[in-house]
Amino acid sequence: MVEHTDAHEDADGNTLVEVLRPATSGQFIATAGSDIARGETVLRRGQTLTSREIGMLAAVGLAEVAVWRRPRVAIFSTGDEIVAPGSAIQPGQVFDSNAAILAAAVEEAGGEPIQLGIVKDDPAALGAMLDRALAEGDIVLLSGGTSKGAGDIAYQIVAGLRGPGVIVHGVALKPGKPLCLAVTGGKLVTVLPGFPTSAIFTFHEFVAPVIRVLAGQKPDRAQDVRAQLPIRYASERGRTEYVMVSLMQGDDAGLVAYPTAKGSGAVTGFAQADGFFAVPALTETVAAGTQVDVRLIGAGLQAADLVIIGSHCIGMDRLVGRLEAEGYRVKSLAVGSMGGLAAAKRGECDVAGIHLMDPDTGEYNTPYVTETLTLTKGYGRLQGIVFRRDDARFAACASAAEAVAAAAADPGVLMVNRNAGSGTRIVIDRLLAGARPAGYAHATKSHNAVAVAVAQERADWGVAIETVARQYGLGFLPLQPERYDFVLPKSRAARPAARRFVELLDDDDVRADLAALGFDVA
């Protein structure tokens, strides 16, 4: 090697080469066939071409090879209530999340999405769009209009296809019951349910495998893990139910599967789940502590550095954002204060956010801490009655107690409640002292959900924190201050992410940020 030599002139002007290292015969010589020889296999059928494979093809002198074409999947959404993202939205309308989700999922499965937009519930328009989709795509994918409502006409249009036409309409699954599958001219036509979780779940179960076959790819290898169900789960008899779950690491090194339980209409139900398990059609209840087989969603399970379970708070969201900006992977699950406390006692989380008032003493959080837990002080919040500022029935009240008494006596005033097990529910029940105002049975899982219900006039009043009331421009009558604190299992408190979480609570910038949101950090 020239790097192992040194050239210089002698006294007579002759150039001499000094060899600094001994050379071995044959060293640094590439012989023909030493890398790839005649008769050896370079690539095999079914391999995906990446930069590495393309480099190998070029190295053997191939400028072109035959490949499987990515199947073209024509996608459109149906419904008078559907609006394209970026457009103005009116009450009763929803943004078209399905098309965006499905287009990305088609690419992940090896297909080429063709987005055709939104079609109103009009038979002529739907028929024309279906003809266009069949002309442009190898597979047609539409969502909505496949159930039994008066406006559900998409499946009726598809029912007119022949050769053979509709082969399945309705499956004994939850989510995804109204799925419709048809074949015409050798092309698959699928009408997915309109609810996002149902749509994406049935896509992965019924459509993605077909795309992979048409793209020349191998079947997707599913990965299952064993996990324990920490809470009792009730299922609907008669349909196999697939339950979306979030996986946590328990103290005993085993996995724990928490049902996300957001419903088929929730966009986040599938997106935030780690996997799902099946409840057989004839099973009505799965007991707490049952071991279930969880089918992972995606490439595999990535363990979180910090697991938070408990009551939701926008202050907690800020803390999580800080941790993630520092590179920590955080998983947060809102199940209410009691659920978080129970998870901490079982060693299923690193942190539980709670605001639990002892009904006998009125003291927050401290009475609920056991010898296996440690309490870290968080910040103060102000609970109160939220209402629309233009609602004279509340604006005239001098106090929260007066407003609640007036609302409870008027069956025309509708409340929105909080879920059982939440700290706010304890405050509400103590406030009502056994009364059951109109709307009491309708419970939501967060302060934001209460504020949304009131702002959209689906309810007239509820109990939420002042910070959220300000965000939604609602009226607010103070009820009582409360403590939002954090409990940590002593067995997990020494973990780096848990220690960093506690440190952030004393950080001056974090405390200033929380104070700006309206929380009491004194």
Foldseek 3Di string as FASTA:
>chain_A
DVVQWDWDADPVRDIDIGGNDDDDPPPPDDDPCPVPDPPDDLDDFADDDDPVSVVSCVVVPHPDDDAQDQFEEEEEEEEPQEDDPPDDHDPPHDYPPQQVVVCVVSVVLRHHYDYDYYYYLDLVRLLVVVVVRVVPGLEYEYEALQDPDPSSCNLVSQCPAPPPTWDDAADQEPPWGGWTWTAHPNGIYIYTYRAQQRRVVVCVVPPSQVSNVSNSHDGDDWDKDKAFEQAKDFDAAQGKYKFFWAWFQAPVRGIYTYGQPPDSNDNVNVVQGQFIFIDDRHDGMDHGGDMTITTGDPDDDDHFLFEEEAADDVLVVVLVVVLVVVPGGYHYHYDAHQVRLVCQVRRRGFKYKAFAADPVPRATDPVSDDPQKDWAFFFKWWKWKWFACPPPLPVPDPARLRSVVSQLVDQVAAAEEADPRHRVNVVVCVSCVPGQHHNNPHHDRHLLVRLVCRLVVVGGMYMHTPLNSVVSVIDTGTDGMTTTIMMGGPSNCPRPSNVVSSVLSVDPVSLVVVVVSPIGSD
